[in-house]
N, C-alpha and C. Protein backbone atom coordinates (compact mmCIF):
# COMPACT_ATOMS: atom_id res chain seq x y z
N MET A 1 -0.01 19.40 9.24
CA MET A 1 0.57 18.61 7.91
C MET A 1 -0.53 19.64 6.85
N ALA A 2 0.65 19.96 5.85
CA ALA A 2 -0.35 21.21 4.86
C ALA A 2 -1.09 19.83 4.18
N ASN A 3 -1.87 20.40 2.94
CA ASN A 3 -2.37 19.32 2.08
C ASN A 3 -1.18 19.08 0.64
N ARG A 4 -1.48 17.29 0.36
CA ARG A 4 -0.56 17.59 -0.80
C ARG A 4 -1.50 18.18 -2.58
N PRO A 5 0.11 18.44 -3.36
CA PRO A 5 -0.85 19.34 -3.90
C PRO A 5 -1.66 18.49 -5.12
N THR A 6 -2.40 18.95 -6.30
CA THR A 6 -3.28 18.11 -6.47
C THR A 6 -2.67 18.08 -8.04
N PRO A 7 -2.00 17.18 -8.36
CA PRO A 7 -1.92 16.76 -10.02
C PRO A 7 -2.52 17.92 -11.18
N THR A 8 -1.84 18.45 -11.89
CA THR A 8 -2.79 19.63 -13.41
C THR A 8 -3.60 18.71 -13.85
N ALA A 9 -2.59 17.48 -13.77
CA ALA A 9 -4.27 16.41 -15.05
C ALA A 9 -5.50 16.21 -14.49
N LEU A 10 -5.63 16.25 -12.65
CA LEU A 10 -6.92 16.02 -12.03
C LEU A 10 -7.38 17.18 -11.64
N LYS A 11 -6.77 18.51 -12.08
CA LYS A 11 -7.11 19.37 -11.54
C LYS A 11 -8.02 20.06 -13.17
N LYS A 12 -7.73 19.85 -13.73
CA LYS A 12 -8.19 19.67 -15.36
C LYS A 12 -9.55 18.96 -15.05
N LEU A 13 -9.41 17.42 -14.77
CA LEU A 13 -10.59 16.84 -14.38
C LEU A 13 -11.49 16.74 -13.81
N ALA A 14 -10.98 17.48 -12.90
CA ALA A 14 -12.40 18.25 -11.84
C ALA A 14 -12.75 19.75 -12.40
N GLY A 15 -12.13 20.36 -13.33
CA GLY A 15 -12.90 21.31 -13.67
C GLY A 15 -12.20 22.72 -13.24
N ASN A 16 -10.77 22.67 -12.46
CA ASN A 16 -9.89 23.24 -12.37
C ASN A 16 -10.88 24.08 -10.90
N PRO A 17 -11.36 23.50 -10.10
CA PRO A 17 -12.29 24.23 -9.33
C PRO A 17 -11.94 25.32 -7.77
N GLY A 18 -10.39 24.81 -7.85
CA GLY A 18 -9.70 26.15 -7.08
C GLY A 18 -9.59 28.10 -8.29
N LYS A 19 -9.74 27.45 -9.03
CA LYS A 19 -9.96 28.58 -10.28
C LYS A 19 -8.14 29.68 -10.16
N ARG A 20 -7.56 28.23 -9.29
CA ARG A 20 -6.20 29.10 -9.68
C ARG A 20 -5.56 28.80 -11.30
N PRO A 21 -4.47 29.57 -11.11
CA PRO A 21 -3.40 29.23 -12.11
C PRO A 21 -3.18 27.90 -12.34
N LEU A 22 -3.44 27.23 -13.65
CA LEU A 22 -2.69 25.93 -13.63
C LEU A 22 -1.43 25.78 -13.80
N ASN A 23 -0.75 24.58 -13.36
CA ASN A 23 0.82 24.45 -13.90
C ASN A 23 1.62 24.16 -15.53
N SER A 24 1.96 25.03 -16.38
CA SER A 24 1.70 24.30 -17.69
C SER A 24 2.93 23.82 -17.72
N HIS A 25 3.51 23.45 -17.10
CA HIS A 25 5.24 23.45 -16.99
C HIS A 25 5.13 22.10 -16.39
N GLU A 26 4.31 21.09 -15.20
CA GLU A 26 4.08 20.00 -14.78
C GLU A 26 4.33 18.92 -15.74
N PRO A 27 5.78 18.11 -15.29
CA PRO A 27 6.12 17.05 -15.90
C PRO A 27 5.52 16.19 -16.07
N MET A 28 5.16 15.78 -17.37
CA MET A 28 3.89 14.74 -17.45
C MET A 28 4.24 13.66 -18.54
N PRO A 29 4.32 12.46 -17.42
CA PRO A 29 5.16 11.00 -18.41
C PRO A 29 4.16 10.63 -19.44
N LYS A 30 5.04 10.30 -20.49
CA LYS A 30 4.18 10.08 -21.98
C LYS A 30 2.62 8.70 -21.15
N PRO A 31 1.58 9.35 -21.81
CA PRO A 31 0.33 8.56 -21.82
C PRO A 31 0.26 6.87 -22.18
N GLY A 32 -0.43 6.24 -20.93
CA GLY A 32 -0.65 5.10 -21.64
C GLY A 32 -0.42 4.23 -20.06
N ALA A 33 -1.12 2.86 -20.51
CA ALA A 33 -0.31 1.53 -19.48
C ALA A 33 0.65 1.29 -19.82
N PRO A 34 1.08 1.31 -17.72
CA PRO A 34 2.70 0.47 -17.93
C PRO A 34 2.50 -1.37 -18.28
N LEU A 35 3.38 -1.94 -18.69
CA LEU A 35 3.15 -3.27 -18.57
C LEU A 35 3.17 -3.62 -17.30
N CYS A 36 2.25 -4.72 -17.70
CA CYS A 36 2.37 -5.92 -16.32
C CYS A 36 3.46 -6.48 -16.22
N PRO A 37 4.34 -6.97 -14.76
CA PRO A 37 5.20 -7.68 -14.65
C PRO A 37 5.11 -8.71 -14.91
N ASP A 38 6.18 -9.53 -15.19
CA ASP A 38 6.14 -10.96 -15.21
C ASP A 38 5.66 -12.12 -13.76
N TRP A 39 6.31 -11.50 -13.28
CA TRP A 39 6.36 -11.84 -11.62
C TRP A 39 5.22 -12.04 -11.03
N MET A 40 3.82 -11.36 -11.27
CA MET A 40 2.95 -11.02 -11.08
C MET A 40 1.97 -12.15 -11.15
N THR A 41 1.43 -13.20 -10.49
CA THR A 41 0.74 -14.36 -10.39
C THR A 41 -0.90 -14.36 -9.61
N GLY A 42 -1.21 -14.77 -9.59
CA GLY A 42 -2.55 -15.90 -8.90
C GLY A 42 -3.54 -14.33 -8.50
N ASP A 43 -4.36 -13.54 -7.27
CA ASP A 43 -5.41 -12.94 -7.45
C ASP A 43 -4.61 -11.32 -7.60
N ALA A 44 -3.23 -11.11 -6.99
CA ALA A 44 -2.90 -9.42 -8.02
C ALA A 44 -3.15 -9.88 -9.23
N LEU A 45 -2.98 -10.37 -10.13
CA LEU A 45 -2.64 -10.71 -11.66
C LEU A 45 -4.22 -10.49 -11.59
N VAL A 46 -5.55 -10.85 -11.30
CA VAL A 46 -6.38 -10.67 -11.67
C VAL A 46 -7.04 -9.36 -11.35
N GLU A 47 -6.22 -8.97 -9.85
CA GLU A 47 -6.53 -7.29 -10.05
C GLU A 47 -6.30 -6.53 -11.40
N TRP A 48 -4.81 -6.68 -11.83
CA TRP A 48 -4.30 -6.12 -12.63
C TRP A 48 -5.59 -6.18 -13.67
N GLU A 49 -4.96 -7.05 -14.15
CA GLU A 49 -6.43 -7.35 -15.72
C GLU A 49 -7.53 -6.85 -15.32
N ARG A 50 -7.79 -6.30 -14.19
CA ARG A 50 -9.59 -6.11 -14.24
C ARG A 50 -9.00 -4.90 -14.04
N ILE A 51 -8.43 -3.93 -13.76
CA ILE A 51 -8.18 -2.57 -13.39
C ILE A 51 -8.13 -1.61 -14.93
N VAL A 52 -6.76 -1.98 -14.94
CA VAL A 52 -5.84 -2.20 -15.70
C VAL A 52 -6.59 -0.90 -17.44
N PRO A 53 -7.10 -2.27 -18.07
CA PRO A 53 -7.99 -1.33 -19.37
C PRO A 53 -8.35 -0.94 -18.69
N GLU A 54 -9.23 -0.55 -17.58
CA GLU A 54 -10.32 0.42 -17.64
C GLU A 54 -9.67 1.60 -17.41
N LEU A 55 -8.64 1.60 -16.93
CA LEU A 55 -8.06 3.09 -15.95
C LEU A 55 -7.41 3.56 -17.52
N ASP A 56 -6.51 2.28 -18.14
CA ASP A 56 -5.93 3.08 -19.54
C ASP A 56 -7.32 3.41 -20.92
N ARG A 57 -8.82 3.36 -20.59
CA ARG A 57 -9.47 3.47 -21.51
C ARG A 57 -9.38 5.10 -21.04
N LEU A 58 -9.82 5.37 -19.68
CA LEU A 58 -10.00 6.95 -19.10
C LEU A 58 -8.83 7.90 -19.30
N GLY A 59 -7.41 7.23 -19.63
CA GLY A 59 -6.82 8.35 -20.02
C GLY A 59 -6.07 7.99 -18.67
N VAL A 60 -6.24 7.73 -17.53
CA VAL A 60 -5.31 7.84 -16.82
C VAL A 60 -3.71 7.90 -16.19
N LEU A 61 -3.74 6.75 -16.46
CA LEU A 61 -2.05 6.14 -16.29
C LEU A 61 -0.53 6.86 -17.64
N THR A 62 -0.08 6.44 -16.84
CA THR A 62 1.28 6.90 -17.47
C THR A 62 2.13 6.13 -17.63
N CYS A 63 3.40 5.76 -18.24
CA CYS A 63 4.35 4.71 -18.17
C CYS A 63 4.98 4.85 -17.72
N VAL A 64 4.72 5.33 -16.46
CA VAL A 64 5.44 5.38 -14.30
C VAL A 64 4.89 5.58 -13.43
N ASP A 65 3.89 4.88 -14.31
CA ASP A 65 2.70 4.26 -12.75
C ASP A 65 2.92 2.79 -12.55
N SER A 66 4.11 1.97 -12.66
CA SER A 66 3.34 0.49 -12.53
C SER A 66 3.67 0.64 -10.70
N ALA A 67 4.78 1.09 -10.06
CA ALA A 67 4.97 1.41 -8.75
C ALA A 67 3.52 1.33 -8.25
N VAL A 68 2.96 1.68 -8.68
CA VAL A 68 1.38 2.18 -7.55
C VAL A 68 0.54 1.09 -8.56
N LEU A 69 0.47 0.41 -9.26
CA LEU A 69 -0.15 0.17 -9.96
C LEU A 69 -0.07 -1.63 -8.48
N GLU A 70 1.34 -2.05 -8.63
CA GLU A 70 1.39 -3.49 -8.40
C GLU A 70 0.84 -3.14 -6.68
N ALA A 71 1.18 -2.40 -6.45
CA ALA A 71 1.25 -2.14 -4.89
C ALA A 71 -0.03 -1.92 -4.79
N HIS A 72 -0.84 -1.67 -5.53
CA HIS A 72 -2.46 -1.99 -5.34
C HIS A 72 -3.06 -3.38 -5.55
N CYS A 73 -2.01 -4.02 -6.32
CA CYS A 73 -2.78 -5.19 -6.71
C CYS A 73 -1.78 -6.23 -6.20
N LEU A 74 -0.78 -5.61 -5.33
CA LEU A 74 -0.36 -6.76 -4.74
C LEU A 74 -0.93 -6.85 -2.99
N THR A 75 -1.19 -5.99 -2.64
CA THR A 75 -2.19 -5.97 -2.06
C THR A 75 -3.45 -5.98 -1.67
N TYR A 76 -3.59 -6.23 -3.08
CA TYR A 76 -5.29 -6.50 -2.68
C TYR A 76 -4.90 -8.04 -2.71
N GLY A 77 -3.85 -9.20 -3.10
CA GLY A 77 -4.08 -10.25 -3.50
C GLY A 77 -3.75 -10.95 -2.09
N GLU A 78 -2.83 -9.56 -1.68
CA GLU A 78 -2.45 -10.53 0.37
C GLU A 78 -4.12 -10.31 0.65
N ILE A 79 -4.64 -8.81 0.70
CA ILE A 79 -6.22 -9.64 1.17
C ILE A 79 -6.70 -10.44 1.24
N VAL A 80 -7.06 -11.23 -0.64
CA VAL A 80 -7.99 -12.11 -0.55
C VAL A 80 -7.17 -13.28 -0.33
N ALA A 81 -6.19 -13.38 -0.11
CA ALA A 81 -5.48 -14.76 0.35
C ALA A 81 -5.07 -14.55 2.01
N THR A 82 -5.39 -13.62 2.97
CA THR A 82 -5.33 -13.51 4.15
C THR A 82 -7.23 -14.08 4.19
N VAL A 83 -7.56 -13.72 3.57
CA VAL A 83 -9.43 -14.01 3.73
C VAL A 83 -9.28 -14.92 3.79
N ARG A 84 -8.83 -16.10 2.24
CA ARG A 84 -9.19 -17.44 2.17
C ARG A 84 -8.77 -18.31 2.67
N ALA A 85 -7.36 -17.63 3.81
CA ALA A 85 -6.47 -18.16 5.07
C ALA A 85 -7.54 -18.58 6.69
N GLY A 86 -8.75 -17.86 6.64
CA GLY A 86 -9.10 -17.64 7.41
C GLY A 86 -8.83 -16.68 8.55
N GLU A 87 -7.91 -16.12 7.92
CA GLU A 87 -7.16 -15.22 9.08
C GLU A 87 -7.50 -13.59 9.24
N PRO A 88 -7.49 -12.83 10.21
CA PRO A 88 -8.67 -12.05 10.53
C PRO A 88 -7.64 -10.59 9.69
N LEU A 89 -7.97 -9.68 9.40
CA LEU A 89 -7.52 -8.73 8.22
C LEU A 89 -6.88 -7.94 9.37
N LYS A 90 -6.01 -6.87 9.28
CA LYS A 90 -5.18 -6.69 9.87
C LYS A 90 -5.42 -4.83 8.97
N ALA A 91 -6.29 -4.05 10.15
CA ALA A 91 -6.30 -2.25 9.48
C ALA A 91 -5.08 -2.02 8.36
N ALA A 92 -4.06 -1.56 9.16
CA ALA A 92 -3.52 -1.32 8.13
C ALA A 92 -3.19 -1.84 6.45
N LEU A 93 -3.82 -3.34 6.36
CA LEU A 93 -3.93 -3.90 4.79
C LEU A 93 -4.80 -3.00 3.90
N LEU A 94 -5.35 -2.93 5.28
CA LEU A 94 -7.00 -2.70 4.63
C LEU A 94 -6.69 -0.87 4.21
N GLY A 95 -6.28 -0.07 4.84
CA GLY A 95 -5.70 1.36 4.99
C GLY A 95 -4.99 1.65 3.92
N GLN A 96 -4.26 0.74 3.27
CA GLN A 96 -3.04 0.51 2.20
C GLN A 96 -3.91 0.09 1.02
N LEU A 97 -4.56 -0.64 0.86
CA LEU A 97 -5.50 -0.93 -0.13
C LEU A 97 -6.60 0.33 -0.83
N ARG A 98 -6.95 0.68 -0.05
CA ARG A 98 -7.82 2.33 0.61
C ARG A 98 -6.71 4.02 0.07
N ALA A 99 -5.74 3.77 0.46
CA ALA A 99 -4.59 4.82 -0.10
C ALA A 99 -4.22 4.46 -1.72
N TYR A 100 -3.91 3.05 -2.03
CA TYR A 100 -3.71 2.97 -3.32
C TYR A 100 -4.99 3.28 -4.36
N ALA A 101 -6.35 2.33 -4.00
CA ALA A 101 -7.15 3.40 -4.40
C ALA A 101 -7.82 4.04 -5.26
N SER A 102 -7.21 4.93 -4.01
CA SER A 102 -7.68 6.51 -4.35
C SER A 102 -7.16 7.22 -5.08
N GLU A 103 -5.67 7.05 -4.96
CA GLU A 103 -4.53 7.71 -5.91
C GLU A 103 -4.89 7.16 -7.18
N LEU A 104 -5.49 5.85 -7.50
CA LEU A 104 -5.63 5.23 -8.88
C LEU A 104 -7.34 5.55 -9.53
N GLY A 105 -7.58 6.33 -8.32
CA GLY A 105 -9.02 6.88 -8.98
C GLY A 105 -10.12 5.89 -8.38
N LEU A 106 -10.06 4.63 -7.51
CA LEU A 106 -10.50 3.40 -8.22
C LEU A 106 -11.91 3.51 -6.95
N THR A 107 -12.03 4.87 -6.19
CA THR A 107 -13.51 4.75 -5.22
C THR A 107 -14.62 5.38 -5.79
N PRO A 108 -15.47 5.27 -5.01
CA PRO A 108 -16.14 6.29 -6.05
C PRO A 108 -16.22 8.37 -4.94
N ALA A 109 -15.43 7.98 -4.29
CA ALA A 109 -15.06 9.82 -3.86
C ALA A 109 -13.90 10.28 -4.36
N ALA A 110 -13.42 9.42 -4.72
CA ALA A 110 -11.96 9.89 -5.65
C ALA A 110 -12.44 9.75 -7.39
N ARG A 111 -13.52 9.35 -7.92
CA ARG A 111 -14.28 9.53 -9.52
C ARG A 111 -14.81 10.87 -9.22
N ALA A 112 -15.82 11.10 -8.41
CA ALA A 112 -16.99 11.99 -7.68
C ALA A 112 -15.63 13.22 -7.94
N LYS A 113 -14.35 13.37 -7.77
CA LYS A 113 -13.91 14.94 -8.03
C LYS A 113 -13.61 14.46 -9.68
N LEU A 114 -13.70 14.19 -10.55
CA LEU A 114 -13.31 13.97 -11.98
C LEU A 114 -14.32 14.27 -12.52
N VAL A 115 -14.31 14.51 -13.93
CA VAL A 115 -15.31 15.05 -14.78
C VAL A 115 -14.77 14.47 -16.51
N ILE A 116 -15.89 14.13 -17.16
CA ILE A 116 -15.89 13.39 -18.27
C ILE A 116 -16.17 14.03 -19.23
N PRO A 117 -14.97 14.34 -19.95
CA PRO A 117 -14.96 15.56 -20.97
C PRO A 117 -15.88 15.58 -22.15
N LYS A 118 -16.72 16.36 -22.24
CA LYS A 118 -17.90 16.77 -23.45
C LYS A 118 -17.11 15.69 -24.30
N GLY A 119 -18.51 15.51 -24.88
CA GLY A 119 -18.02 14.36 -26.19
C GLY A 119 -18.43 12.88 -25.72
N GLY A 120 -18.22 12.98 -24.19
CA GLY A 120 -18.25 11.35 -23.77
C GLY A 120 -17.57 10.62 -23.27
N GLU A 121 -17.55 9.31 -23.44
CA GLU A 121 -16.15 8.59 -22.76
C GLU A 121 -15.29 7.67 -23.54
N ASP A 122 -16.55 8.17 -25.25
CA ASP A 122 -15.25 6.93 -26.49
C ASP A 122 -13.83 8.41 -27.13
N ASP A 123 -14.61 9.79 -26.47
CA ASP A 123 -13.60 10.13 -27.53
C ASP A 123 -11.59 9.88 -26.22
N GLU A 124 -11.27 10.12 -27.21
CA GLU A 124 -9.85 10.38 -26.78
C GLU A 124 -9.60 11.21 -25.48
N THR A 125 -9.11 10.34 -24.08
CA THR A 125 -8.69 11.19 -23.29
C THR A 125 -7.30 11.27 -23.09
N ALA A 126 -6.32 11.20 -23.65
CA ALA A 126 -4.91 11.76 -23.67
C ALA A 126 -4.68 13.29 -23.92
N HIS A 127 -5.67 13.98 -23.92
CA HIS A 127 -5.11 15.02 -24.71
C HIS A 127 -5.17 15.64 -22.56
N PHE A 128 -5.79 14.98 -22.25
CA PHE A 128 -5.63 15.91 -20.74
C PHE A 128 -4.53 16.14 -20.17
N PHE A 129 -3.75 14.55 -20.60
CA PHE A 129 -2.15 15.18 -20.25
C PHE A 129 -1.04 15.67 -20.44
N GLN A 130 -1.84 16.41 -22.38
CA GLN A 130 -1.16 17.40 -22.85
C GLN A 130 -1.56 19.01 -22.18
N HIS A 131 -0.22 19.83 -22.02
CA HIS A 131 0.13 20.93 -21.36
C HIS A 131 0.54 22.41 -22.55
């Protein structure tokens, strides 16, 4: 199975370690956090409110990222409910959470591949998403 392509924005954040030409025509949705769906409740909503403001501050979200954010938060909520009910966790559920967390840069390993732009974290980071 071939490796999945790395999005250009992530290559830029990582300093383009492969030194291959970057795709200057990659589609880039409008930067910014998607709106939280009104149906999200409980621990899933708590997780949304915990991660989305920080991911938005870092400039890694776009207007079309709602599905992966929703899936991550719902999976997290399901894990919390399972643990609270005293039921055993299924490996598949933990694997799903790990995959979503990696996609969103929510793990130390995922963040280790990224570089904060010179000038510090307070600088506007949306320019990473422009080509």
